[in-house]
Amino acid sequence: MTDIHAEWQRARYQLVEEIKKLGFPEELGDAAARNLGSPKAMYRMISYLQNVRPKKAELIVDEMLAICSEIEEWKKKKESQAANAKYNEYLNS
């Protein structure tokens, strides 16, 4: 097992455990892990769960969607910056 795969599995396991500790089904944790898609995002979600301790599944899903949205916006920003850099390089040459 690669280090990246092991880290993903560790983060997924911790996320599922935190969700189960709050009294929610394991399937919610699995779905959240799949949607978050990276250990960094999962650890961010774990931090939210530990600090806020939400009482409703809807709050967990809302936070997961917010994290996913922020990640998507960050990716778009980086793509835009890369395209802008190439365009500027073109103009300067």
Protein backbone atom coordinates (compact mmCIF):
# COMPACT_ATOMS: atom_id res chain seq x y z
CA MET A 1 0.00 0.00 0.00
CA THR A 2 1.38 3.39 -0.97
CA ASP A 3 1.80 6.21 1.51
CA ILE A 4 -0.88 8.27 -0.24
CA HIS A 5 -3.33 5.38 -0.17
CA ALA A 6 -2.55 4.71 3.48
CA GLU A 7 -3.09 8.39 4.35
CA TRP A 8 -6.41 8.40 2.49
CA GLN A 9 -7.52 5.27 4.36
CA ARG A 10 -6.45 6.75 7.72
CA ALA A 11 -8.35 9.98 7.07
CA ARG A 12 -11.43 8.09 5.88
CA TYR A 13 -11.37 5.85 8.96
CA GLN A 14 -11.05 8.84 11.32
CA LEU A 15 -13.86 10.68 9.57
CA VAL A 16 -16.20 7.70 9.78
CA GLU A 17 -15.33 7.20 13.45
CA GLU A 18 -16.03 10.85 14.31
CA ILE A 19 -19.40 10.67 12.57
CA LYS A 20 -20.25 7.44 14.38
CA LYS A 21 -19.26 9.02 17.73
CA LEU A 22 -21.87 11.69 17.07
CA GLY A 23 -24.52 8.99 16.65
CA PHE A 24 -24.82 9.01 12.88
CA PRO A 25 -24.59 5.96 10.60
CA GLU A 26 -21.30 4.80 9.09
CA GLU A 27 -22.80 5.29 5.63
CA LEU A 28 -22.87 9.05 6.21
CA GLY A 29 -19.15 8.97 6.92
CA ASP A 30 -18.48 6.88 3.82
CA ALA A 31 -20.48 9.29 1.66
CA ALA A 32 -18.70 12.29 3.15
CA ALA A 33 -15.28 10.72 2.56
CA ARG A 34 -16.12 9.94 -1.08
CA ASN A 35 -17.36 13.46 -1.71
CA LEU A 36 -14.50 15.22 0.07
CA GLY A 37 -12.01 13.14 -1.89
CA SER A 38 -8.74 14.04 -0.18
CA PRO A 39 -7.17 13.50 3.22
CA LYS A 40 -6.72 17.25 3.73
CA ALA A 41 -10.44 17.87 3.13
CA MET A 42 -11.36 14.94 5.38
CA TYR A 43 -9.16 16.25 8.20
CA ARG A 44 -10.80 19.63 7.82
CA MET A 45 -14.19 17.96 8.17
CA ILE A 46 -12.97 15.99 11.20
CA SER A 47 -11.89 19.26 12.83
CA TYR A 48 -15.35 20.71 12.21
CA LEU A 49 -17.01 17.64 13.72
CA GLN A 50 -14.79 17.72 16.81
CA ASN A 51 -15.24 21.44 17.43
CA VAL A 52 -18.88 21.99 16.49
CA ARG A 53 -20.32 18.55 17.36
CA PRO A 54 -23.37 19.00 15.10
CA LYS A 55 -26.64 17.44 16.23
CA LYS A 56 -28.20 17.09 12.76
CA ALA A 57 -27.00 15.19 9.70
CA GLU A 58 -27.99 18.20 7.58
CA LEU A 59 -25.32 20.29 9.29
CA ILE A 60 -22.69 17.66 8.47
CA VAL A 61 -23.78 17.57 4.84
CA ASP A 62 -23.86 21.38 4.64
CA GLU A 63 -20.29 21.61 5.94
CA MET A 64 -19.14 18.88 3.55
CA LEU A 65 -20.69 20.78 0.63
CA ALA A 66 -19.09 24.02 1.81
CA ILE A 67 -15.66 22.38 1.94
CA CYS A 68 -16.16 20.88 -1.53
CA SER A 69 -17.27 24.26 -2.87
CA GLU A 70 -14.22 26.02 -1.42
CA ILE A 71 -11.92 23.41 -2.93
CA GLU A 72 -13.58 23.82 -6.34
CA GLU A 73 -13.23 27.63 -6.14
CA TRP A 74 -9.55 27.26 -5.21
CA LYS A 75 -8.98 24.96 -8.22
CA LYS A 76 -10.68 27.46 -10.55
CA LYS A 77 -8.57 30.27 -9.14
CA LYS A 78 -5.36 28.31 -9.70
CA GLU A 79 -6.40 27.43 -13.28
CA SER A 80 -7.17 31.08 -13.95
CA GLN A 81 -3.83 32.18 -12.53
CA ALA A 82 -1.99 29.63 -14.68
CA ALA A 83 -3.84 30.73 -17.81
CA ASN A 84 -3.14 34.38 -16.99
CA ALA A 85 0.55 33.64 -16.48
CA LYS A 86 0.76 31.92 -19.87
CA TYR A 87 -1.06 34.80 -21.53
CA ASN A 88 1.30 37.33 -19.94
CA GLU A 89 4.27 35.22 -21.02
CA TYR A 90 2.91 35.25 -24.57
CA LEU A 91 2.45 39.04 -24.49
CA ASN A 92 5.97 39.59 -23.15
CA SER A 93 7.72 37.44 -25.74
